[in-house]
């Protein structure tokens, strides 16, 4: 069964093009590692909440936009193997040389999910 990695991150609004470039280059490696599909979604209508919200979850600052993204893998084993491989692959240094200037990894939220219902394409 497919496995989904989900991500929520604060990205410098002025660095949208840089973030897009990082996402495109990252996808090439994820695809090589066996990922089936990905989606990078730039926050368009992401309201602040009173108790909780996407902006609150990542401690969004005024000059940032919340990005919601996911990667679909064939299964958890493929995802886990990709994560291990990422840590040893020196090409990641080329993909994200200035990532810290674009988005805050410390405030990124991520996790792995097993789908329980799905309709339509990945």
PDB file of N, CA and C in Angstrom:
ATOM      1  N   UNK A   1       0.839  -1.175   0.000  1.00  0.00           N
ATOM      2  CA  UNK A   1       0.000   0.000   0.000  1.00  0.00           C
ATOM      3  C   UNK A   1       0.889   1.246   0.000  1.00  0.00           C
ATOM      4  N   UNK A   2       0.437   2.293  -0.658  1.00  0.00           N
ATOM      5  CA  UNK A   2       1.191   3.543  -0.734  1.00  0.00           C
ATOM      6  C   UNK A   2       1.445   4.109   0.660  1.00  0.00           C
ATOM      7  N   UNK A   3       2.459   4.949   0.737  1.00  0.00           N
ATOM      8  CA  UNK A   3       2.837   5.606   1.980  1.00  0.00           C
ATOM      9  C   UNK A   3       3.061   7.079   1.666  1.00  0.00           C
ATOM     10  N   UNK A   4       2.613   7.970   2.546  1.00  0.00           N
ATOM     11  CA  UNK A   4       2.682   9.404   2.281  1.00  0.00           C
ATOM     12  C   UNK A   4       3.535  10.102   3.338  1.00  0.00           C
ATOM     13  N   UNK A   5       4.482  10.907   2.889  1.00  0.00           N
ATOM     14  CA  UNK A   5       5.221  11.796   3.774  1.00  0.00           C
ATOM     15  C   UNK A   5       4.609  13.172   3.607  1.00  0.00           C
ATOM     16  N   UNK A   6       4.254  13.808   4.709  1.00  0.00           N
ATOM     17  CA  UNK A   6       3.673  15.136   4.652  1.00  0.00           C
ATOM     18  C   UNK A   6       4.573  16.152   5.322  1.00  0.00           C
ATOM     19  N   UNK A   7       4.551  17.383   4.792  1.00  0.00           N
ATOM     20  CA  UNK A   7       5.417  18.447   5.287  1.00  0.00           C
ATOM     21  C   UNK A   7       4.644  19.757   5.371  1.00  0.00           C
ATOM     22  N   UNK A   8       4.934  20.522   6.378  1.00  0.00           N
ATOM     23  CA  UNK A   8       4.386  21.862   6.553  1.00  0.00           C
ATOM     24  C   UNK A   8       5.570  22.727   6.955  1.00  0.00           C
ATOM     25  N   UNK A   9       5.797  23.833   6.223  1.00  0.00           N
ATOM     26  CA  UNK A   9       6.986  24.636   6.502  1.00  0.00           C
ATOM     27  C   UNK A   9       6.736  26.120   6.270  1.00  0.00           C
ATOM     28  N   UNK A  10       7.413  26.971   7.047  1.00  0.00           N
ATOM     29  CA  UNK A  10       7.371  28.401   6.796  1.00  0.00           C
ATOM     30  C   UNK A  10       8.473  28.754   5.791  1.00  0.00           C
ATOM     31  N   UNK A  11       8.088  29.442   4.719  1.00  0.00           N
ATOM     32  CA  UNK A  11       9.038  29.811   3.664  1.00  0.00           C
ATOM     33  C   UNK A  11       9.043  31.331   3.517  1.00  0.00           C
ATOM     34  N   UNK A  12      10.216  31.909   3.365  1.00  0.00           N
ATOM     35  CA  UNK A  12      10.315  33.357   3.131  1.00  0.00           C
ATOM     36  C   UNK A  12       9.525  33.692   1.866  1.00  0.00           C
ATOM     37  N   UNK A  13       8.534  34.538   1.990  1.00  0.00           N
ATOM     38  CA  UNK A  13       7.665  34.879   0.866  1.00  0.00           C
ATOM     39  C   UNK A  13       8.471  35.395  -0.324  1.00  0.00           C
ATOM     40  N   UNK A  14       9.465  36.184  -0.074  1.00  0.00           N
ATOM     41  CA  UNK A  14      10.291  36.739  -1.148  1.00  0.00           C
ATOM     42  C   UNK A  14      11.167  35.678  -1.821  1.00  0.00           C
ATOM     43  N   UNK A  15      11.243  34.500  -1.235  1.00  0.00           N
ATOM     44  CA  UNK A  15      12.096  33.431  -1.763  1.00  0.00           C
ATOM     45  C   UNK A  15      11.290  32.316  -2.426  1.00  0.00           C
ATOM     46  N   UNK A  16      10.078  32.629  -2.876  1.00  0.00           N
ATOM     47  CA  UNK A  16       9.218  31.617  -3.498  1.00  0.00           C
ATOM     48  C   UNK A  16       9.912  30.937  -4.676  1.00  0.00           C
ATOM     49  N   UNK A  17      10.558  31.693  -5.544  1.00  0.00           N
ATOM     50  CA  UNK A  17      11.239  31.108  -6.705  1.00  0.00           C
ATOM     51  C   UNK A  17      12.379  30.195  -6.266  1.00  0.00           C
ATOM     52  N   UNK A  18      13.115  30.597  -5.233  1.00  0.00           N
ATOM     53  CA  UNK A  18      14.200  29.759  -4.719  1.00  0.00           C
ATOM     54  C   UNK A  18      13.644  28.459  -4.136  1.00  0.00           C
ATOM     55  N   UNK A  19      12.534  28.569  -3.405  1.00  0.00           N
ATOM     56  CA  UNK A  19      11.914  27.373  -2.831  1.00  0.00           C
ATOM     57  C   UNK A  19      11.442  26.435  -3.948  1.00  0.00           C
ATOM     58  N   UNK A  20      10.837  27.004  -4.967  1.00  0.00           N
ATOM     59  CA  UNK A  20      10.360  26.189  -6.093  1.00  0.00           C
ATOM     60  C   UNK A  20      11.521  25.448  -6.743  1.00  0.00           C
ATOM     61  N   UNK A  21      12.635  26.119  -6.902  1.00  0.00           N
ATOM     62  CA  UNK A  21      13.820  25.490  -7.493  1.00  0.00           C
ATOM     63  C   UNK A  21      14.323  24.344  -6.615  1.00  0.00           C
ATOM     64  N   UNK A  22      14.357  24.559  -5.302  1.00  0.00           N
ATOM     65  CA  UNK A  22      14.754  23.491  -4.377  1.00  0.00           C
ATOM     66  C   UNK A  22      13.803  22.309  -4.502  1.00  0.00           C
ATOM     67  N   UNK A  23      12.501  22.587  -4.558  1.00  0.00           N
ATOM     68  CA  UNK A  23      11.505  21.513  -4.671  1.00  0.00           C
ATOM     69  C   UNK A  23      11.693  20.720  -5.954  1.00  0.00           C
ATOM     70  N   UNK A  24      11.938  21.408  -7.064  1.00  0.00           N
ATOM     71  CA  UNK A  24      12.125  20.720  -8.344  1.00  0.00           C
ATOM     72  C   UNK A  24      13.380  19.852  -8.340  1.00  0.00           C
ATOM     73  N   UNK A  25      14.463  20.376  -7.798  1.00  0.00           N
ATOM     74  CA  UNK A  25      15.702  19.595  -7.730  1.00  0.00           C
ATOM     75  C   UNK A  25      15.566  18.429  -6.753  1.00  0.00           C
ATOM     76  N   UNK A  26      14.867  18.656  -5.644  1.00  0.00           N
ATOM     77  CA  UNK A  26      14.645  17.587  -4.671  1.00  0.00           C
ATOM     78  C   UNK A  26      13.827  16.460  -5.286  1.00  0.00           C
ATOM     79  N   UNK A  27      12.817  16.842  -6.066  1.00  0.00           N
ATOM     80  CA  UNK A  27      11.964  15.840  -6.681  1.00  0.00           C
ATOM     81  C   UNK A  27      12.764  14.885  -7.552  1.00  0.00           C
ATOM     82  N   UNK A  28      13.751  15.395  -8.271  1.00  0.00           N
ATOM     83  CA  UNK A  28      14.565  14.525  -9.119  1.00  0.00           C
ATOM     84  C   UNK A  28      15.216  13.413  -8.297  1.00  0.00           C
ATOM     85  N   UNK A  29      15.696  13.758  -7.104  1.00  0.00           N
ATOM     86  CA  UNK A  29      16.314  12.744  -6.247  1.00  0.00           C
ATOM     87  C   UNK A  29      15.270  11.823  -5.629  1.00  0.00           C
ATOM     88  N   UNK A  30      14.170  12.391  -5.129  1.00  0.00           N
ATOM     89  CA  UNK A  30      13.118  11.551  -4.541  1.00  0.00           C
ATOM     90  C   UNK A  30      12.602  10.547  -5.565  1.00  0.00           C
ATOM     91  N   UNK A  31      12.430  11.001  -6.792  1.00  0.00           N
ATOM     92  CA  UNK A  31      11.953  10.115  -7.861  1.00  0.00           C
ATOM     93  C   UNK A  31      12.959   8.994  -8.107  1.00  0.00           C
ATOM     94  N   UNK A  32      14.227   9.354  -8.111  1.00  0.00           N
ATOM     95  CA  UNK A  32      15.288   8.345  -8.273  1.00  0.00           C
ATOM     96  C   UNK A  32      15.242   7.324  -7.139  1.00  0.00           C
ATOM     97  N   UNK A  33      14.900   7.783  -5.938  1.00  0.00           N
ATOM     98  CA  UNK A  33      14.826   6.902  -4.764  1.00  0.00           C
ATOM     99  C   UNK A  33      13.553   6.049  -4.753  1.00  0.00           C
ATOM    100  N   UNK A  34      12.646   6.290  -5.708  1.00  0.00           N
ATOM    101  CA  UNK A  34      11.452   5.451  -5.807  1.00  0.00           C
ATOM    102  C   UNK A  34      10.133   6.135  -5.514  1.00  0.00           C
ATOM    103  N   UNK A  35      10.127   7.445  -5.266  1.00  0.00           N
ATOM    104  CA  UNK A  35       8.866   8.145  -5.002  1.00  0.00           C
ATOM    105  C   UNK A  35       7.978   8.113  -6.241  1.00  0.00           C
ATOM    106  N   UNK A  36       6.668   8.058  -6.012  1.00  0.00           N
ATOM    107  CA  UNK A  36       5.695   7.982  -7.106  1.00  0.00           C
ATOM    108  C   UNK A  36       5.206   9.348  -7.559  1.00  0.00           C
ATOM    109  N   UNK A  37       4.998  10.258  -6.604  1.00  0.00           N
ATOM    110  CA  UNK A  37       4.505  11.592  -6.953  1.00  0.00           C
ATOM    111  C   UNK A  37       4.795  12.542  -5.800  1.00  0.00           C
ATOM    112  N   UNK A  38       4.654  13.825  -6.104  1.00  0.00           N
ATOM    113  CA  UNK A  38       4.854  14.852  -5.083  1.00  0.00           C
ATOM    114  C   UNK A  38       3.941  16.027  -5.381  1.00  0.00           C
ATOM    115  N   UNK A  39       3.731  16.856  -4.389  1.00  0.00           N
ATOM    116  CA  UNK A  39       2.991  18.099  -4.569  1.00  0.00           C
ATOM    117  C   UNK A  39       3.563  19.124  -3.604  1.00  0.00           C
ATOM    118  N   UNK A  40       3.877  20.295  -4.126  1.00  0.00           N
ATOM    119  CA  UNK A  40       4.315  21.432  -3.318  1.00  0.00           C
ATOM    120  C   UNK A  40       3.216  22.476  -3.451  1.00  0.00           C
ATOM    121  N   UNK A  41       2.592  22.854  -2.361  1.00  0.00           N
ATOM    122  CA  UNK A  41       1.468  23.781  -2.403  1.00  0.00           C
ATOM    123  C   UNK A  41       1.794  25.045  -1.611  1.00  0.00           C
ATOM    124  N   UNK A  42       1.782  26.177  -2.307  1.00  0.00           N
ATOM    125  CA  UNK A  42       2.087  27.480  -1.722  1.00  0.00           C
ATOM    126  C   UNK A  42       0.828  28.025  -1.056  1.00  0.00           C
ATOM    127  N   UNK A  43       0.924  28.430   0.192  1.00  0.00           N
ATOM    128  CA  UNK A  43      -0.234  28.932   0.938  1.00  0.00           C
ATOM    129  C   UNK A  43      -0.894  30.114   0.245  1.00  0.00           C
ATOM    130  N   UNK A  44      -2.188  29.998   0.033  1.00  0.00           N
ATOM    131  CA  UNK A  44      -2.957  31.042  -0.637  1.00  0.00           C
ATOM    132  C   UNK A  44      -4.045  31.587   0.280  1.00  0.00           C
ATOM    133  N   UNK A  45      -4.701  30.689   0.990  1.00  0.00           N
ATOM    134  CA  UNK A  45      -5.762  31.060   1.915  1.00  0.00           C
ATOM    135  C   UNK A  45      -5.546  30.252   3.194  1.00  0.00           C
ATOM    136  N   UNK A  46      -4.648  30.733   4.033  1.00  0.00           N
ATOM    137  CA  UNK A  46      -4.238  30.008   5.230  1.00  0.00           C
ATOM    138  C   UNK A  46      -4.440  30.926   6.437  1.00  0.00           C
ATOM    139  N   UNK A  47      -5.632  30.913   6.984  1.00  0.00           N
ATOM    140  CA  UNK A  47      -5.952  31.851   8.068  1.00  0.00           C
ATOM    141  C   UNK A  47      -5.273  31.509   9.391  1.00  0.00           C
ATOM    142  N   UNK A  48      -5.067  32.551  10.180  1.00  0.00           N
ATOM    143  CA  UNK A  48      -4.603  32.356  11.550  1.00  0.00           C
ATOM    144  C   UNK A  48      -5.775  31.790  12.346  1.00  0.00           C
ATOM    145  N   UNK A  49      -5.477  30.973  13.321  1.00  0.00           N
ATOM    146  CA  UNK A  49      -6.523  30.409  14.163  1.00  0.00           C
ATOM    147  C   UNK A  49      -6.483  30.998  15.551  1.00  0.00           C
ATOM    148  N   UNK A  50      -7.500  30.707  16.324  1.00  0.00           N
ATOM    149  CA  UNK A  50      -7.532  31.163  17.712  1.00  0.00           C
ATOM    150  C   UNK A  50      -6.869  30.159  18.638  1.00  0.00           C
ATOM    151  N   UNK A  51      -7.056  28.866  18.356  1.00  0.00           N
ATOM    152  CA  UNK A  51      -6.487  27.825  19.193  1.00  0.00           C
ATOM    153  C   UNK A  51      -5.306  27.156  18.485  1.00  0.00           C
ATOM    154  N   UNK A  52      -5.499  26.828  17.197  1.00  0.00           N
ATOM    155  CA  UNK A  52      -4.433  26.224  16.405  1.00  0.00           C
ATOM    156  C   UNK A  52      -4.675  26.518  14.929  1.00  0.00           C
ATOM    157  N   UNK A  53      -3.636  26.445  14.155  1.00  0.00           N
ATOM    158  CA  UNK A  53      -3.733  26.697  12.716  1.00  0.00           C
ATOM    159  C   UNK A  53      -2.403  26.327  12.075  1.00  0.00           C
ATOM    160  N   UNK A  54      -2.393  26.286  10.746  1.00  0.00           N
ATOM    161  CA  UNK A  54      -1.126  26.047  10.052  1.00  0.00           C
ATOM    162  C   UNK A  54      -0.098  27.121  10.403  1.00  0.00           C
ATOM    163  N   UNK A  55      -0.450  28.417  10.335  1.00  0.00           N
ATOM    164  CA  UNK A  55       0.541  29.438  10.689  1.00  0.00           C
ATOM    165  C   UNK A  55       1.072  29.288  12.113  1.00  0.00           C
ATOM    166  N   UNK A  56       0.179  28.980  13.039  1.00  0.00           N
ATOM    167  CA  UNK A  56       0.611  28.813  14.424  1.00  0.00           C
ATOM    168  C   UNK A  56       1.510  27.584  14.574  1.00  0.00           C
ATOM    169  N   UNK A  57       1.195  26.539  13.843  1.00  0.00           N
ATOM    170  CA  UNK A  57       1.949  25.286  13.963  1.00  0.00           C
ATOM    171  C   UNK A  57       3.415  25.465  13.582  1.00  0.00           C
ATOM    172  N   UNK A  58       3.678  26.297  12.576  1.00  0.00           N
ATOM    173  CA  UNK A  58       5.064  26.516  12.138  1.00  0.00           C
ATOM    174  C   UNK A  58       5.641  27.829  12.671  1.00  0.00           C
ATOM    175  N   UNK A  59       4.882  28.499  13.530  1.00  0.00           N
ATOM    176  CA  UNK A  59       5.306  29.793  14.089  1.00  0.00           C
ATOM    177  C   UNK A  59       5.673  30.768  12.975  1.00  0.00           C
ATOM    178  N   UNK A  60       4.758  30.883  12.014  1.00  0.00           N
ATOM    179  CA  UNK A  60       4.955  31.734  10.846  1.00  0.00           C
ATOM    180  C   UNK A  60       5.223  33.168  11.248  1.00  0.00           C
ATOM    181  N   UNK A  61       6.220  33.758  10.597  1.00  0.00           N
ATOM    182  CA  UNK A  61       6.547  35.162  10.812  1.00  0.00           C
ATOM    183  C   UNK A  61       5.898  35.996   9.711  1.00  0.00           C
ATOM    184  N   UNK A  62       5.763  37.304   9.891  1.00  0.00           N
ATOM    185  CA  UNK A  62       5.051  38.151   8.918  1.00  0.00           C
ATOM    186  C   UNK A  62       5.582  38.083   7.483  1.00  0.00           C
ATOM    187  N   UNK A  63       6.866  37.835   7.312  1.00  0.00           N
ATOM    188  CA  UNK A  63       7.446  37.787   5.965  1.00  0.00           C
ATOM    189  C   UNK A  63       7.515  36.378   5.396  1.00  0.00           C
ATOM    190  N   UNK A  64       6.688  35.465   5.933  1.00  0.00           N
ATOM    191  CA  UNK A  64       6.710  34.068   5.506  1.00  0.00           C
ATOM    192  C   UNK A  64       5.342  33.616   4.985  1.00  0.00           C
ATOM    193  N   UNK A  65       5.375  32.556   4.201  1.00  0.00           N
ATOM    194  CA  UNK A  65       4.172  31.892   3.689  1.00  0.00           C
ATOM    195  C   UNK A  65       4.255  30.428   4.097  1.00  0.00           C
ATOM    196  N   UNK A  66       3.122  29.842   4.460  1.00  0.00           N
ATOM    197  CA  UNK A  66       3.091  28.427   4.818  1.00  0.00           C
ATOM    198  C   UNK A  66       3.012  27.590   3.545  1.00  0.00           C
ATOM    199  N   UNK A  67       3.875  26.574   3.483  1.00  0.00           N
ATOM    200  CA  UNK A  67       3.881  25.628   2.372  1.00  0.00           C
ATOM    201  C   UNK A  67       3.458  24.270   2.911  1.00  0.00           C
ATOM    202  N   UNK A  68       2.568  23.625   2.183  1.00  0.00           N
ATOM    203  CA  UNK A  68       2.083  22.294   2.521  1.00  0.00           C
ATOM    204  C   UNK A  68       2.484  21.382   1.374  1.00  0.00           C
ATOM    205  N   UNK A  69       3.175  20.299   1.670  1.00  0.00           N
ATOM    206  CA  UNK A  69       3.622  19.423   0.590  1.00  0.00           C
ATOM    207  C   UNK A  69       3.596  17.970   1.029  1.00  0.00           C
ATOM    208  N   UNK A  70       3.651  17.104   0.035  1.00  0.00           N
ATOM    209  CA  UNK A  70       3.679  15.678   0.337  1.00  0.00           C
ATOM    210  C   UNK A  70       4.369  14.919  -0.772  1.00  0.00           C
ATOM    211  N   UNK A  71       4.847  13.740  -0.398  1.00  0.00           N
ATOM    212  CA  UNK A  71       5.472  12.801  -1.328  1.00  0.00           C
ATOM    213  C   UNK A  71       4.764  11.474  -1.151  1.00  0.00           C
ATOM    214  N   UNK A  72       4.384  10.853  -2.254  1.00  0.00           N
ATOM    215  CA  UNK A  72       3.758   9.536  -2.209  1.00  0.00           C
ATOM    216  C   UNK A  72       4.805   8.492  -2.611  1.00  0.00           C
ATOM    217  N   UNK A  73       4.947   7.510  -1.762  1.00  0.00           N
ATOM    218  CA  UNK A  73       5.891   6.412  -1.970  1.00  0.00           C
ATOM    219  C   UNK A  73       5.110   5.122  -2.217  1.00  0.00           C
ATOM    220  N   UNK A  74       5.712   4.131  -2.858  1.00  0.00           N
ATOM    221  CA  UNK A  74       5.001   2.856  -3.067  1.00  0.00           C
ATOM    222  C   UNK A  74       4.647   2.169  -1.753  1.00  0.00           C
ATOM    223  N   UNK A  75       5.525   2.340  -0.736  1.00  0.00           N
ATOM    224  CA  UNK A  75       5.311   1.713   0.566  1.00  0.00           C
ATOM    225  C   UNK A  75       6.272   2.344   1.585  1.00  0.00           C
ATOM    226  N   UNK A  76       6.065   2.019   2.851  1.00  0.00           N
ATOM    227  CA  UNK A  76       6.884   2.584   3.917  1.00  0.00           C
ATOM    228  C   UNK A  76       8.344   2.161   3.796  1.00  0.00           C
ATOM    229  N   UNK A  77       8.586   0.927   3.393  1.00  0.00           N
ATOM    230  CA  UNK A  77       9.963   0.447   3.264  1.00  0.00           C
ATOM    231  C   UNK A  77      10.753   1.276   2.257  1.00  0.00           C
ATOM    232  N   UNK A  78      10.123   1.619   1.135  1.00  0.00           N
ATOM    233  CA  UNK A  78      10.796   2.444   0.125  1.00  0.00           C
ATOM    234  C   UNK A  78      11.083   3.829   0.689  1.00  0.00           C
ATOM    235  N   UNK A  79      10.134   4.386   1.421  1.00  0.00           N
ATOM    236  CA  UNK A  79      10.316   5.695   2.052  1.00  0.00           C
ATOM    237  C   UNK A  79      11.470   5.656   3.053  1.00  0.00           C
ATOM    238  N   UNK A  80      11.476   4.654   3.917  1.00  0.00           N
ATOM    239  CA  UNK A  80      12.533   4.532   4.922  1.00  0.00           C
ATOM    240  C   UNK A  80      13.909   4.373   4.272  1.00  0.00           C
ATOM    241  N   UNK A  81      13.974   3.573   3.214  1.00  0.00           N
ATOM    242  CA  UNK A  81      15.242   3.384   2.500  1.00  0.00           C
ATOM    243  C   UNK A  81      15.701   4.699   1.881  1.00  0.00           C
ATOM    244  N   UNK A  82      14.756   5.483   1.355  1.00  0.00           N
ATOM    245  CA  UNK A  82      15.099   6.777   0.751  1.00  0.00           C
ATOM    246  C   UNK A  82      15.659   7.728   1.798  1.00  0.00           C
ATOM    247  N   UNK A  83      15.065   7.750   2.975  1.00  0.00           N
ATOM    248  CA  UNK A  83      15.552   8.627   4.045  1.00  0.00           C
ATOM    249  C   UNK A  83      16.980   8.258   4.423  1.00  0.00           C
ATOM    250  N   UNK A  84      17.263   6.972   4.534  1.00  0.00           N
ATOM    251  CA  UNK A  84      18.626   6.528   4.836  1.00  0.00           C
ATOM    252  C   UNK A  84      19.585   6.931   3.722  1.00  0.00           C
ATOM    253  N   UNK A  85      19.149   6.740   2.503  1.00  0.00           N
ATOM    254  CA  UNK A  85      19.991   7.063   1.348  1.00  0.00           C
ATOM    255  C   UNK A  85      20.269   8.568   1.274  1.00  0.00           C
ATOM    256  N   UNK A  86      19.269   9.380   1.616  1.00  0.00           N
ATOM    257  CA  UNK A  86      19.436  10.839   1.591  1.00  0.00           C
ATOM    258  C   UNK A  86      20.588  11.288   2.483  1.00  0.00           C
ATOM    259  N   UNK A  87      20.697  10.659   3.632  1.00  0.00           N
ATOM    260  CA  UNK A  87      21.713  11.060   4.600  1.00  0.00           C
ATOM    261  C   UNK A  87      23.126  10.789   4.104  1.00  0.00           C
ATOM    262  N   UNK A  88      23.250   9.902   3.130  1.00  0.00           N
ATOM    263  CA  UNK A  88      24.567   9.546   2.611  1.00  0.00           C
ATOM    264  C   UNK A  88      24.832  10.116   1.220  1.00  0.00           C
ATOM    265  N   UNK A  89      23.838  10.716   0.598  1.00  0.00           N
ATOM    266  CA  UNK A  89      23.961  11.179  -0.786  1.00  0.00           C
ATOM    267  C   UNK A  89      24.493  12.617  -0.815  1.00  0.00           C
ATOM    268  N   UNK A  90      25.702  12.825  -1.302  1.00  0.00           N
ATOM    269  CA  UNK A  90      26.285  14.170  -1.311  1.00  0.00           C
ATOM    270  C   UNK A  90      25.575  15.145  -2.259  1.00  0.00           C
ATOM    271  N   UNK A  91      24.733  14.649  -3.143  1.00  0.00           N
ATOM    272  CA  UNK A  91      24.020  15.531  -4.066  1.00  0.00           C
ATOM    273  C   UNK A  91      23.055  16.461  -3.349  1.00  0.00           C
ATOM    274  N   UNK A  92      22.662  16.124  -2.121  1.00  0.00           N
ATOM    275  CA  UNK A  92      21.755  17.002  -1.379  1.00  0.00           C
ATOM    276  C   UNK A  92      22.402  18.345  -1.069  1.00  0.00           C
ATOM    277  N   UNK A  93      23.709  18.354  -0.946  1.00  0.00           N
ATOM    278  CA  UNK A  93      24.424  19.621  -0.724  1.00  0.00           C
ATOM    279  C   UNK A  93      24.251  20.548  -1.925  1.00  0.00           C
ATOM    280  N   UNK A  94      24.185  19.971  -3.123  1.00  0.00           N
ATOM    281  CA  UNK A  94      23.982  20.756  -4.340  1.00  0.00           C
ATOM    282  C   UNK A  94      22.534  21.224  -4.462  1.00  0.00           C
ATOM    283  N   UNK A  95      21.608  20.400  -4.010  1.00  0.00           N
ATOM    284  CA  UNK A  95      20.179  20.718  -4.109  1.00  0.00           C
ATOM    285  C   UNK A  95      19.805  21.853  -3.160  1.00  0.00           C
ATOM    286  N   UNK A  96      20.348  21.834  -1.972  1.00  0.00           N
ATOM    287  CA  UNK A  96      19.944  22.798  -0.951  1.00  0.00           C
ATOM    288  C   UNK A  96      21.109  23.595  -0.379  1.00  0.00           C
ATOM    289  N   UNK A  97      21.897  24.251  -1.213  1.00  0.00           N
ATOM    290  CA  UNK A  97      23.035  24.991  -0.663  1.00  0.00           C
ATOM    291  C   UNK A  97      22.613  26.186   0.193  1.00  0.00           C
ATOM    292  N   UNK A  98      21.475  26.780  -0.098  1.00  0.00           N
ATOM    293  CA  UNK A  98      21.022  27.963   0.640  1.00  0.00           C
ATOM    294  C   UNK A  98      19.647  27.754   1.273  1.00  0.00           C
ATOM    295  N   UNK A  99      19.318  26.517   1.580  1.00  0.00           N
ATOM    296  CA  UNK A  99      17.987  26.204   2.110  1.00  0.00           C
ATOM    297  C   UNK A  99      17.654  27.006   3.361  1.00  0.00           C
ATOM    298  N   UNK A 100      18.622  27.226   4.232  1.00  0.00           N
ATOM    299  CA  UNK A 100      18.364  27.954   5.482  1.00  0.00           C
ATOM    300  C   UNK A 100      17.948  29.407   5.233  1.00  0.00           C
ATOM    301  N   UNK A 101      18.319  29.951   4.092  1.00  0.00           N
ATOM    302  CA  UNK A 101      17.915  31.312   3.733  1.00  0.00           C
ATOM    303  C   UNK A 101      16.497  31.355   3.171  1.00  0.00           C
ATOM    304  N   UNK A 102      15.995  30.189   2.765  1.00  0.00           N
ATOM    305  CA  UNK A 102      14.700  30.109   2.087  1.00  0.00           C
ATOM    306  C   UNK A 102      13.592  29.649   3.031  1.00  0.00           C
ATOM    307  N   UNK A 103      13.851  28.604   3.799  1.00  0.00           N
ATOM    308  CA  UNK A 103      12.841  28.111   4.737  1.00  0.00           C
ATOM    309  C   UNK A 103      13.513  27.612   6.002  1.00  0.00           C
ATOM    310  N   UNK A 104      12.718  27.537   7.078  1.00  0.00           N
ATOM    311  CA  UNK A 104      13.239  27.206   8.390  1.00  0.00           C
ATOM    312  C   UNK A 104      12.996  25.730   8.698  1.00  0.00           C
ATOM    313  N   UNK A 105      14.052  24.938   8.633  1.00  0.00           N
ATOM    314  CA  UNK A 105      13.942  23.502   8.882  1.00  0.00           C
ATOM    315  C   UNK A 105      13.556  23.203  10.333  1.00  0.00           C
ATOM    316  N   UNK A 106      13.941  24.071  11.255  1.00  0.00           N
ATOM    317  CA  UNK A 106      13.630  23.834  12.671  1.00  0.00           C
ATOM    318  C   UNK A 106      12.137  23.988  12.943  1.00  0.00           C
ATOM    319  N   UNK A 107      11.445  24.781  12.118  1.00  0.00           N
ATOM    320  CA  UNK A 107      10.006  24.968  12.307  1.00  0.00           C
ATOM    321  C   UNK A 107       9.187  24.143  11.309  1.00  0.00           C
ATOM    322  N   UNK A 108       9.848  23.302  10.543  1.00  0.00           N
ATOM    323  CA  UNK A 108       9.133  22.412   9.625  1.00  0.00           C
ATOM    324  C   UNK A 108       8.496  21.280  10.420  1.00  0.00           C
ATOM    325  N   UNK A 109       7.293  20.912  10.019  1.00  0.00           N
ATOM    326  CA  UNK A 109       6.596  19.776  10.610  1.00  0.00           C
ATOM    327  C   UNK A 109       6.535  18.697   9.538  1.00  0.00           C
ATOM    328  N   UNK A 110       6.817  17.464   9.906  1.00  0.00           N
ATOM    329  CA  UNK A 110       6.768  16.393   8.914  1.00  0.00           C
ATOM    330  C   UNK A 110       6.378  15.089   9.582  1.00  0.00           C
ATOM    331  N   UNK A 111       5.910  14.173   8.788  1.00  0.00           N
ATOM    332  CA  UNK A 111       5.545  12.867   9.310  1.00  0.00           C
ATOM    333  C   UNK A 111       5.178  11.922   8.191  1.00  0.00           C
ATOM    334  N   UNK A 112       5.096  10.658   8.522  1.00  0.00           N
ATOM    335  CA  UNK A 112       4.715   9.624   7.564  1.00  0.00           C
ATOM    336  C   UNK A 112       3.318   9.120   7.879  1.00  0.00           C
ATOM    337  N   UNK A 113       2.570   8.846   6.808  1.00  0.00           N
ATOM    338  CA  UNK A 113       1.163   8.478   6.965  1.00  0.00           C
ATOM    339  C   UNK A 113       0.795   7.296   6.084  1.00  0.00           C
ATOM    340  N   UNK A 114       0.021   6.393   6.647  1.00  0.00           N
ATOM    341  CA  UNK A 114      -0.521   5.263   5.894  1.00  0.00           C
ATOM    342  C   UNK A 114      -1.939   5.626   5.476  1.00  0.00           C
ATOM    343  N   UNK A 115      -2.199   5.684   4.181  1.00  0.00           N
ATOM    344  CA  UNK A 115      -3.546   6.049   3.721  1.00  0.00           C
ATOM    345  C   UNK A 115      -4.606   5.050   4.206  1.00  0.00           C
ATOM    346  N   UNK A 116      -5.745   5.577   4.616  1.00  0.00           N
ATOM    347  CA  UNK A 116      -6.864   4.712   5.012  1.00  0.00           C
ATOM    348  C   UNK A 116      -8.047   4.876   4.062  1.00  0.00           C
ATOM    349  N   UNK A 117      -8.041   5.936   3.249  1.00  0.00           N
ATOM    350  CA  UNK A 117      -9.052   6.135   2.196  1.00  0.00           C
ATOM    351  C   UNK A 117      -8.434   7.018   1.136  1.00  0.00           C
ATOM    352  N   UNK A 118      -8.673   6.641  -0.114  1.00  0.00           N
ATOM    353  CA  UNK A 118      -8.164   7.451  -1.219  1.00  0.00           C
ATOM    354  C   UNK A 118      -9.082   7.276  -2.420  1.00  0.00           C
ATOM    355  N   UNK A 119      -9.294   8.362  -3.128  1.00  0.00           N
ATOM    356  CA  UNK A 119     -10.083   8.327  -4.355  1.00  0.00           C
ATOM    357  C   UNK A 119      -9.386   9.244  -5.349  1.00  0.00           C
ATOM    358  N   UNK A 120      -9.192   8.802  -6.543  1.00  0.00           N
ATOM    359  CA  UNK A 120      -8.523   9.619  -7.544  1.00  0.00           C
ATOM    360  C   UNK A 120      -7.030   9.316  -7.590  1.00  0.00           C
ATOM    361  N   UNK A 121      -6.319  10.073  -8.435  1.00  0.00           N
ATOM    362  CA  UNK A 121      -4.881   9.819  -8.586  1.00  0.00           C
ATOM    363  C   UNK A 121      -4.096  10.236  -7.346  1.00  0.00           C
ATOM    364  N   UNK A 122      -2.880   9.685  -7.237  1.00  0.00           N
ATOM    365  CA  UNK A 122      -2.020  10.021  -6.090  1.00  0.00           C
ATOM    366  C   UNK A 122      -1.785  11.480  -6.094  1.00  0.00           C
TER     367      UNK A 122
END
